[in-house]
Amino acid sequence: MLKAIVLDDDAFVCRLIDEYCRELKFITVTASFSNPGEAAEYLARNEVDMVFINPMTRNFSGIDFYLDKCKDLLLVFVSDSPDHAIDGFNLGAVDYLLKPLEAGRFKQAAVKCQTHFNFSKSRPVVASPFILIKVDYSLKKIFTNDIKYIESLDDYVNVHLFNSRPVLVRMTMKSMLDKLPKGEFVRVHRSFIVPIHRVESVRNKTIQILDARIPIGSCFEECFYDCFAESATT
């Protein structure tokens, strides 16, 4: 059972999310807040798996709250407008819901959260190798088991992670691939690197890793399928 909290200054929305979760039965709203200070106090004392947050209200910034207090939790934005959709993407939000909330659309977001949660819990807890990359004049440790996929953005690479916001770093794809454990990651497109053991399926030259769909470039196709076939036998 996923334990969730809601942070929104709209009391009706808070009640509606609670009702929808009761109907679904695999998410329970343990508390709802219109005040970020009270939400922070609750998080300090209780175990929570995910948060439904309004990214920007008249009284507080849900984005700032998430970054400061709960950036390791599953995130769903609930907003009056699509203005902060890019923020949601950059923070690694599982979904972005627009008001008025519809039951079917809410269920779709909830199922995605459940999938992410179950996937993270199914991973074995073992010592994980890591890489060190320079971010904002400091070194950041990234465990390779946490990497969902890596995307090229001009002179930068965006390291997409499970249950955490992406990390943007200035370096080339070749330099990144050289840092990663050999045989565990493969470049599948001029713009994408994937962890081969995370690939769930391949269809029409498209790789599926949870909700991410990643194209296979023609120049990288043979190498990818060789690695994919080899990983299935180990």
C-alpha atoms as a PDB file:
ATOM      1  CA  MET A   1       0.000   0.000   0.000  1.00  0.00           C
ATOM      2  CA  LEU A   2       1.413   3.364  -1.047  1.00  0.00           C
ATOM      3  CA  LYS A   3       1.295   6.030   1.660  1.00  0.00           C
ATOM      4  CA  ALA A   4       0.650   9.491   0.242  1.00  0.00           C
ATOM      5  CA  ILE A   5       0.166  13.033   1.453  1.00  0.00           C
ATOM      6  CA  VAL A   6      -1.525  15.924  -0.359  1.00  0.00           C
ATOM      7  CA  LEU A   7      -0.305  19.528  -0.273  1.00  0.00           C
ATOM      8  CA  ASP A   8      -2.749  21.973  -1.853  1.00  0.00           C
ATOM      9  CA  ASP A   9      -4.635  25.065  -0.680  1.00  0.00           C
ATOM     10  CA  ASP A  10      -7.774  23.754  -2.399  1.00  0.00           C
ATOM     11  CA  ALA A  11      -9.705  21.786   0.248  1.00  0.00           C
ATOM     12  CA  PHE A  12     -12.069  20.294  -2.337  1.00  0.00           C
ATOM     13  CA  VAL A  13      -9.178  18.846  -4.335  1.00  0.00           C
ATOM     14  CA  CYS A  14      -7.648  17.385  -1.174  1.00  0.00           C
ATOM     15  CA  ARG A  15     -10.928  15.618  -0.368  1.00  0.00           C
ATOM     16  CA  LEU A  16     -11.344  14.430  -3.963  1.00  0.00           C
ATOM     17  CA  ILE A  17      -7.848  12.902  -4.079  1.00  0.00           C
ATOM     18  CA  ASP A  18      -8.588  11.108  -0.812  1.00  0.00           C
ATOM     19  CA  GLU A  19     -11.851   9.716  -2.238  1.00  0.00           C
ATOM     20  CA  TYR A  20     -10.187   8.558  -5.466  1.00  0.00           C
ATOM     21  CA  CYS A  21      -7.446   6.802  -3.503  1.00  0.00           C
ATOM     22  CA  ARG A  22      -9.990   5.029  -1.291  1.00  0.00           C
ATOM     23  CA  GLU A  23     -11.657   3.659  -4.427  1.00  0.00           C
ATOM     24  CA  LEU A  24      -8.355   2.417  -5.847  1.00  0.00           C
ATOM     25  CA  LYS A  25      -7.348   0.651  -2.608  1.00  0.00           C
ATOM     26  CA  PHE A  26      -3.592   0.553  -3.347  1.00  0.00           C
ATOM     27  CA  ILE A  27      -2.904   4.157  -2.284  1.00  0.00           C
ATOM     28  CA  THR A  28      -3.927   5.663   1.022  1.00  0.00           C
ATOM     29  CA  VAL A  29      -3.834   9.384   1.786  1.00  0.00           C
ATOM     30  CA  THR A  30      -2.487   9.531   5.319  1.00  0.00           C
ATOM     31  CA  ALA A  31      -2.741  13.334   5.609  1.00  0.00           C
ATOM     32  CA  SER A  32      -3.653  16.470   3.636  1.00  0.00           C
ATOM     33  CA  PHE A  33      -2.221  19.951   4.149  1.00  0.00           C
ATOM     34  CA  SER A  34      -2.762  23.521   3.016  1.00  0.00           C
ATOM     35  CA  ASN A  35       0.266  24.681   4.997  1.00  0.00           C
ATOM     36  CA  PRO A  36       3.775  23.539   3.907  1.00  0.00           C
ATOM     37  CA  GLY A  37       5.144  23.972   7.435  1.00  0.00           C
ATOM     38  CA  GLU A  38       2.669  21.453   8.821  1.00  0.00           C
ATOM     39  CA  ALA A  39       3.412  19.087   5.938  1.00  0.00           C
ATOM     40  CA  ALA A  40       7.147  19.317   6.682  1.00  0.00           C
ATOM     41  CA  GLU A  41       6.557  18.473  10.345  1.00  0.00           C
ATOM     42  CA  TYR A  42       4.463  15.453   9.354  1.00  0.00           C
ATOM     43  CA  LEU A  43       7.133  14.190   6.937  1.00  0.00           C
ATOM     44  CA  ALA A  44       9.757  14.431   9.675  1.00  0.00           C
ATOM     45  CA  ARG A  45       7.729  12.086  11.912  1.00  0.00           C
ATOM     46  CA  ASN A  46       6.052   9.684   9.472  1.00  0.00           C
ATOM     47  CA  GLU A  47       6.904   7.299   6.663  1.00  0.00           C
ATOM     48  CA  VAL A  48       5.560   8.519   3.316  1.00  0.00           C
ATOM     49  CA  ASP A  49       6.038   7.069  -0.182  1.00  0.00           C
ATOM     50  CA  MET A  50       4.596   9.772  -2.438  1.00  0.00           C
ATOM     51  CA  VAL A  51       3.180  13.284  -2.572  1.00  0.00           C
ATOM     52  CA  PHE A  52       0.446  15.014  -4.552  1.00  0.00           C
ATOM     53  CA  ILE A  53       1.485  18.678  -4.715  1.00  0.00           C
ATOM     54  CA  ASN A  54       0.154  21.837  -6.291  1.00  0.00           C
ATOM     55  CA  PRO A  55       3.337  23.246  -7.882  1.00  0.00           C
ATOM     56  CA  MET A  56       2.370  26.883  -7.291  1.00  0.00           C
ATOM     57  CA  THR A  57      -0.395  28.395  -5.167  1.00  0.00           C
ATOM     58  CA  ARG A  58      -1.094  31.951  -4.020  1.00  0.00           C
ATOM     59  CA  ASN A  59       0.499  31.160  -0.661  1.00  0.00           C
ATOM     60  CA  PHE A  60       3.435  28.841  -1.327  1.00  0.00           C
ATOM     61  CA  SER A  61       5.570  27.113  -3.946  1.00  0.00           C
ATOM     62  CA  GLY A  62       5.007  23.378  -4.061  1.00  0.00           C
ATOM     63  CA  ILE A  63       8.109  23.095  -6.237  1.00  0.00           C
ATOM     64  CA  ASP A  64      10.323  24.626  -3.545  1.00  0.00           C
ATOM     65  CA  PHE A  65       8.687  22.434  -0.903  1.00  0.00           C
ATOM     66  CA  TYR A  66       9.354  19.281  -2.892  1.00  0.00           C
ATOM     67  CA  LEU A  67      13.000  20.186  -3.497  1.00  0.00           C
ATOM     68  CA  ASP A  68      13.572  21.081   0.148  1.00  0.00           C
ATOM     69  CA  LYS A  69      11.587  18.428   1.996  1.00  0.00           C
ATOM     70  CA  CYS A  70      10.720  15.362  -0.069  1.00  0.00           C
ATOM     71  CA  LYS A  71      12.683  15.081  -3.320  1.00  0.00           C
ATOM     72  CA  ASP A  72      13.246  11.341  -2.777  1.00  0.00           C
ATOM     73  CA  LEU A  73       9.494  10.600  -2.839  1.00  0.00           C
ATOM     74  CA  LEU A  74       7.294   9.796  -5.822  1.00  0.00           C
ATOM     75  CA  LEU A  75       5.817  13.045  -7.095  1.00  0.00           C
ATOM     76  CA  VAL A  76       2.545  13.897  -8.831  1.00  0.00           C
ATOM     77  CA  PHE A  77       1.807  17.545  -9.587  1.00  0.00           C
ATOM     78  CA  VAL A  78      -1.836  18.648  -9.381  1.00  0.00           C
ATOM     79  CA  SER A  79      -2.302  22.053 -10.996  1.00  0.00           C
ATOM     80  CA  ASP A  80      -4.808  24.553 -12.366  1.00  0.00           C
ATOM     81  CA  SER A  81      -2.667  25.116 -15.469  1.00  0.00           C
ATOM     82  CA  PRO A  82       0.018  23.397 -17.560  1.00  0.00           C
ATOM     83  CA  ASP A  83       2.514  26.204 -16.878  1.00  0.00           C
ATOM     84  CA  HIS A  84       4.737  24.075 -14.658  1.00  0.00           C
ATOM     85  CA  ALA A  85       4.753  20.900 -16.765  1.00  0.00           C
ATOM     86  CA  ILE A  86       8.416  21.443 -17.678  1.00  0.00           C
ATOM     87  CA  ASP A  87       9.250  21.803 -13.979  1.00  0.00           C
ATOM     88  CA  GLY A  88       7.500  18.499 -13.396  1.00  0.00           C
ATOM     89  CA  PHE A  89       9.595  16.854 -16.110  1.00  0.00           C
ATOM     90  CA  ASN A  90      12.829  18.272 -14.707  1.00  0.00           C
ATOM     91  CA  LEU A  91      11.950  17.101 -11.203  1.00  0.00           C
ATOM     92  CA  GLY A  92      11.199  13.589 -12.417  1.00  0.00           C
ATOM     93  CA  ALA A  93       7.493  13.769 -11.544  1.00  0.00           C
ATOM     94  CA  VAL A  94       5.639  10.538 -12.261  1.00  0.00           C
ATOM     95  CA  ASP A  95       2.688  12.493 -13.682  1.00  0.00           C
ATOM     96  CA  TYR A  96       1.116  15.946 -14.036  1.00  0.00           C
ATOM     97  CA  LEU A  97      -2.635  16.228 -13.405  1.00  0.00           C
ATOM     98  CA  LEU A  98      -4.757  19.193 -14.422  1.00  0.00           C
ATOM     99  CA  LYS A  99      -7.819  20.351 -12.493  1.00  0.00           C
ATOM    100  CA  PRO A 100     -10.670  19.571 -12.538  1.00  0.00           C
ATOM    101  CA  LEU A 101      -9.541  16.072 -11.694  1.00  0.00           C
ATOM    102  CA  GLU A 102     -11.173  13.200 -13.564  1.00  0.00           C
ATOM    103  CA  ALA A 103     -11.383   9.737 -12.027  1.00  0.00           C
ATOM    104  CA  GLY A 104     -10.053   7.913 -15.091  1.00  0.00           C
ATOM    105  CA  ARG A 105      -7.074  10.228 -15.540  1.00  0.00           C
ATOM    106  CA  PHE A 106      -6.323  10.087 -11.812  1.00  0.00           C
ATOM    107  CA  LYS A 107      -6.344   6.282 -11.875  1.00  0.00           C
ATOM    108  CA  GLN A 108      -3.880   6.326 -14.776  1.00  0.00           C
ATOM    109  CA  ALA A 109      -1.470   8.470 -12.743  1.00  0.00           C
ATOM    110  CA  ALA A 110      -1.950   6.315  -9.648  1.00  0.00           C
ATOM    111  CA  VAL A 111      -1.183   3.102 -11.539  1.00  0.00           C
ATOM    112  CA  LYS A 112       2.021   4.671 -12.870  1.00  0.00           C
ATOM    113  CA  CYS A 113       3.022   5.500  -9.297  1.00  0.00           C
ATOM    114  CA  GLN A 114       2.292   1.951  -8.183  1.00  0.00           C
ATOM    115  CA  THR A 115       4.413   0.593 -11.059  1.00  0.00           C
ATOM    116  CA  HIS A 116       7.342   2.843 -10.138  1.00  0.00           C
ATOM    117  CA  PHE A 117       7.023   1.916  -6.471  1.00  0.00           C
ATOM    118  CA  ASN A 118       6.849  -1.839  -7.082  1.00  0.00           C
ATOM    119  CA  PHE A 119       9.756  -1.690  -9.509  1.00  0.00           C
ATOM    120  CA  SER A 120      11.970   0.143  -7.020  1.00  0.00           C
ATOM    121  CA  LYS A 121      11.072  -2.299  -4.232  1.00  0.00           C
ATOM    122  CA  SER A 122      11.811  -5.330  -6.412  1.00  0.00           C
ATOM    123  CA  ARG A 123      15.396  -4.296  -7.001  1.00  0.00           C
ATOM    124  CA  PRO A 124      17.852  -6.222  -4.811  1.00  0.00           C
ATOM    125  CA  VAL A 125      19.443  -4.194  -2.038  1.00  0.00           C
ATOM    126  CA  VAL A 126      23.155  -4.699  -2.690  1.00  0.00           C
ATOM    127  CA  ALA A 127      26.190  -2.504  -2.730  1.00  0.00           C
ATOM    128  CA  SER A 128      25.996  -0.555  -5.954  1.00  0.00           C
ATOM    129  CA  PRO A 129      28.890   0.790  -8.015  1.00  0.00           C
ATOM    130  CA  PHE A 130      28.782   4.498  -8.605  1.00  0.00           C
ATOM    131  CA  ILE A 131      30.258   7.173 -10.806  1.00  0.00           C
ATOM    132  CA  LEU A 132      31.418  10.654  -9.841  1.00  0.00           C
ATOM    133  CA  ILE A 133      30.478  13.554 -12.091  1.00  0.00           C
ATOM    134  CA  LYS A 134      31.076  17.271 -11.749  1.00  0.00           C
ATOM    135  CA  VAL A 135      27.870  19.256 -11.208  1.00  0.00           C
ATOM    136  CA  ASP A 136      27.884  22.977 -10.314  1.00  0.00           C
ATOM    137  CA  TYR A 137      31.555  22.976  -9.264  1.00  0.00           C
ATOM    138  CA  SER A 138      31.174  19.949  -7.013  1.00  0.00           C
ATOM    139  CA  LEU A 139      31.426  16.182  -7.399  1.00  0.00           C
ATOM    140  CA  LYS A 140      28.168  14.235  -7.276  1.00  0.00           C
ATOM    141  CA  LYS A 141      27.934  10.503  -6.635  1.00  0.00           C
ATOM    142  CA  ILE A 142      25.431   8.655  -8.820  1.00  0.00           C
ATOM    143  CA  PHE A 143      24.811   4.974  -8.187  1.00  0.00           C
ATOM    144  CA  THR A 144      24.629   3.134 -11.490  1.00  0.00           C
ATOM    145  CA  ASN A 145      21.663   1.029 -10.309  1.00  0.00           C
ATOM    146  CA  ASP A 146      19.666   4.256 -10.025  1.00  0.00           C
ATOM    147  CA  ILE A 147      20.166   5.257 -13.671  1.00  0.00           C
ATOM    148  CA  LYS A 148      17.045   4.871 -15.791  1.00  0.00           C
ATOM    149  CA  TYR A 149      18.581   6.190 -19.020  1.00  0.00           C
ATOM    150  CA  ILE A 150      20.881   8.969 -20.226  1.00  0.00           C
ATOM    151  CA  GLU A 151      19.894  11.591 -22.786  1.00  0.00           C
ATOM    152  CA  SER A 152      22.065  13.952 -24.816  1.00  0.00           C
ATOM    153  CA  LEU A 153      21.083  17.643 -24.806  1.00  0.00           C
ATOM    154  CA  ASP A 154      23.553  19.498 -27.052  1.00  0.00           C
ATOM    155  CA  ASP A 155      26.670  20.059 -24.880  1.00  0.00           C
ATOM    156  CA  TYR A 156      25.054  18.407 -21.852  1.00  0.00           C
ATOM    157  CA  VAL A 157      23.803  14.979 -20.846  1.00  0.00           C
ATOM    158  CA  ASN A 158      20.699  14.499 -18.726  1.00  0.00           C
ATOM    159  CA  VAL A 159      20.956  11.511 -16.380  1.00  0.00           C
ATOM    160  CA  HIS A 160      17.411  10.279 -15.711  1.00  0.00           C
ATOM    161  CA  LEU A 161      17.071   8.445 -12.396  1.00  0.00           C
ATOM    162  CA  PHE A 162      14.501   6.180 -10.742  1.00  0.00           C
ATOM    163  CA  ASN A 163      12.464   8.058  -8.093  1.00  0.00           C
ATOM    164  CA  SER A 164      14.613  11.187  -8.254  1.00  0.00           C
ATOM    165  CA  ARG A 165      14.938  14.242 -10.465  1.00  0.00           C
ATOM    166  CA  PRO A 166      17.338  14.112 -13.447  1.00  0.00           C
ATOM    167  CA  VAL A 167      20.901  15.347 -13.141  1.00  0.00           C
ATOM    168  CA  LEU A 168      22.129  17.677 -15.888  1.00  0.00           C
ATOM    169  CA  VAL A 169      25.887  17.668 -16.460  1.00  0.00           C
ATOM    170  CA  ARG A 170      28.120  19.288 -19.062  1.00  0.00           C
ATOM    171  CA  MET A 171      29.953  16.459 -20.848  1.00  0.00           C
ATOM    172  CA  THR A 172      29.790  14.366 -24.010  1.00  0.00           C
ATOM    173  CA  MET A 173      27.968  11.070 -24.432  1.00  0.00           C
ATOM    174  CA  LYS A 174      31.299   9.354 -25.143  1.00  0.00           C
ATOM    175  CA  SER A 175      32.800  10.665 -21.904  1.00  0.00           C
ATOM    176  CA  MET A 176      29.741   9.502 -19.979  1.00  0.00           C
ATOM    177  CA  LEU A 177      29.811   6.047 -21.562  1.00  0.00           C
ATOM    178  CA  ASP A 178      33.510   5.724 -20.677  1.00  0.00           C
ATOM    179  CA  LYS A 179      32.651   6.344 -17.007  1.00  0.00           C
ATOM    180  CA  LEU A 180      29.934   3.687 -16.855  1.00  0.00           C
ATOM    181  CA  PRO A 181      30.576  -0.020 -16.093  1.00  0.00           C
ATOM    182  CA  LYS A 182      31.443  -1.760 -19.338  1.00  0.00           C
ATOM    183  CA  GLY A 183      28.853  -4.263 -20.531  1.00  0.00           C
ATOM    184  CA  GLU A 184      26.107  -2.812 -18.334  1.00  0.00           C
ATOM    185  CA  PHE A 185      25.280   0.256 -20.426  1.00  0.00           C
ATOM    186  CA  VAL A 186      24.931   0.555 -24.185  1.00  0.00           C
ATOM    187  CA  ARG A 187      24.483   3.481 -26.520  1.00  0.00           C
ATOM    188  CA  VAL A 188      21.337   2.855 -28.572  1.00  0.00           C
ATOM    189  CA  HIS A 189      21.023   6.199 -30.353  1.00  0.00           C
ATOM    190  CA  ARG A 190      23.165   9.283 -30.853  1.00  0.00           C
ATOM    191  CA  SER A 191      21.070  10.836 -28.062  1.00  0.00           C
ATOM    192  CA  PHE A 192      20.497   7.900 -25.674  1.00  0.00           C
ATOM    193  CA  ILE A 193      22.375   5.454 -23.446  1.00  0.00           C
ATOM    194  CA  VAL A 194      20.457   2.758 -21.551  1.00  0.00           C
ATOM    195  CA  PRO A 195      21.265   0.230 -18.800  1.00  0.00           C
ATOM    196  CA  ILE A 196      20.853  -3.027 -20.692  1.00  0.00           C
ATOM    197  CA  HIS A 197      19.472  -4.958 -17.677  1.00  0.00           C
ATOM    198  CA  ARG A 198      16.645  -2.417 -17.268  1.00  0.00           C
ATOM    199  CA  VAL A 199      15.230  -2.914 -20.763  1.00  0.00           C
ATOM    200  CA  GLU A 200      11.768  -4.437 -20.349  1.00  0.00           C
ATOM    201  CA  SER A 201      10.819  -4.881 -24.002  1.00  0.00           C
ATOM    202  CA  VAL A 202      11.703  -3.844 -27.553  1.00  0.00           C
ATOM    203  CA  ARG A 203       9.145  -3.187 -30.268  1.00  0.00           C
ATOM    204  CA  ASN A 204       9.392  -1.397 -33.605  1.00  0.00           C
ATOM    205  CA  LYS A 205      12.923  -0.246 -32.771  1.00  0.00           C
ATOM    206  CA  THR A 206      11.703   1.311 -29.528  1.00  0.00           C
ATOM    207  CA  ILE A 207      12.973   0.340 -26.079  1.00  0.00           C
ATOM    208  CA  GLN A 208      10.617   0.345 -23.082  1.00  0.00           C
ATOM    209  CA  ILE A 209      11.930   1.102 -19.579  1.00  0.00           C
ATOM    210  CA  LEU A 210       8.933   1.669 -17.318  1.00  0.00           C
ATOM    211  CA  ASP A 211       7.116   4.657 -18.863  1.00  0.00           C
ATOM    212  CA  ALA A 212      10.104   5.745 -20.976  1.00  0.00           C
ATOM    213  CA  ARG A 213      10.198   4.905 -24.690  1.00  0.00           C
ATOM    214  CA  ILE A 214      13.630   5.236 -26.267  1.00  0.00           C
ATOM    215  CA  PRO A 215      14.373   4.952 -30.011  1.00  0.00           C
ATOM    216  CA  ILE A 216      17.097   2.712 -31.411  1.00  0.00           C
ATOM    217  CA  GLY A 217      19.244   4.431 -34.040  1.00  0.00           C
ATOM    218  CA  SER A 218      20.128   2.463 -37.148  1.00  0.00           C
ATOM    219  CA  CYS A 219      23.878   2.864 -36.534  1.00  0.00           C
ATOM    220  CA  PHE A 220      23.534   1.389 -33.038  1.00  0.00           C
ATOM    221  CA  GLU A 221      20.982  -1.341 -33.768  1.00  0.00           C
ATOM    222  CA  GLU A 222      23.355  -4.281 -34.233  1.00  0.00           C
ATOM    223  CA  CYS A 223      25.365  -3.468 -31.104  1.00  0.00           C
ATOM    224  CA  PHE A 224      22.231  -3.097 -29.002  1.00  0.00           C
ATOM    225  CA  TYR A 225      20.676  -6.397 -30.077  1.00  0.00           C
ATOM    226  CA  ASP A 226      23.960  -8.223 -29.481  1.00  0.00           C
ATOM    227  CA  CYS A 227      24.148  -6.818 -25.939  1.00  0.00           C
ATOM    228  CA  PHE A 228      20.470  -7.469 -25.303  1.00  0.00           C
ATOM    229  CA  ALA A 229      20.756 -11.083 -26.405  1.00  0.00           C
ATOM    230  CA  GLU A 230      23.863 -11.582 -24.287  1.00  0.00           C
ATOM    231  CA  SER A 231      22.175 -10.110 -21.199  1.00  0.00           C
ATOM    232  CA  ALA A 232      19.336 -12.624 -21.551  1.00  0.00           C
ATOM    233  CA  THR A 233      21.775 -15.518 -21.161  1.00  0.00           C
ATOM    234  CA  THR A 234      23.585 -14.198 -18.079  1.00  0.00           C
END
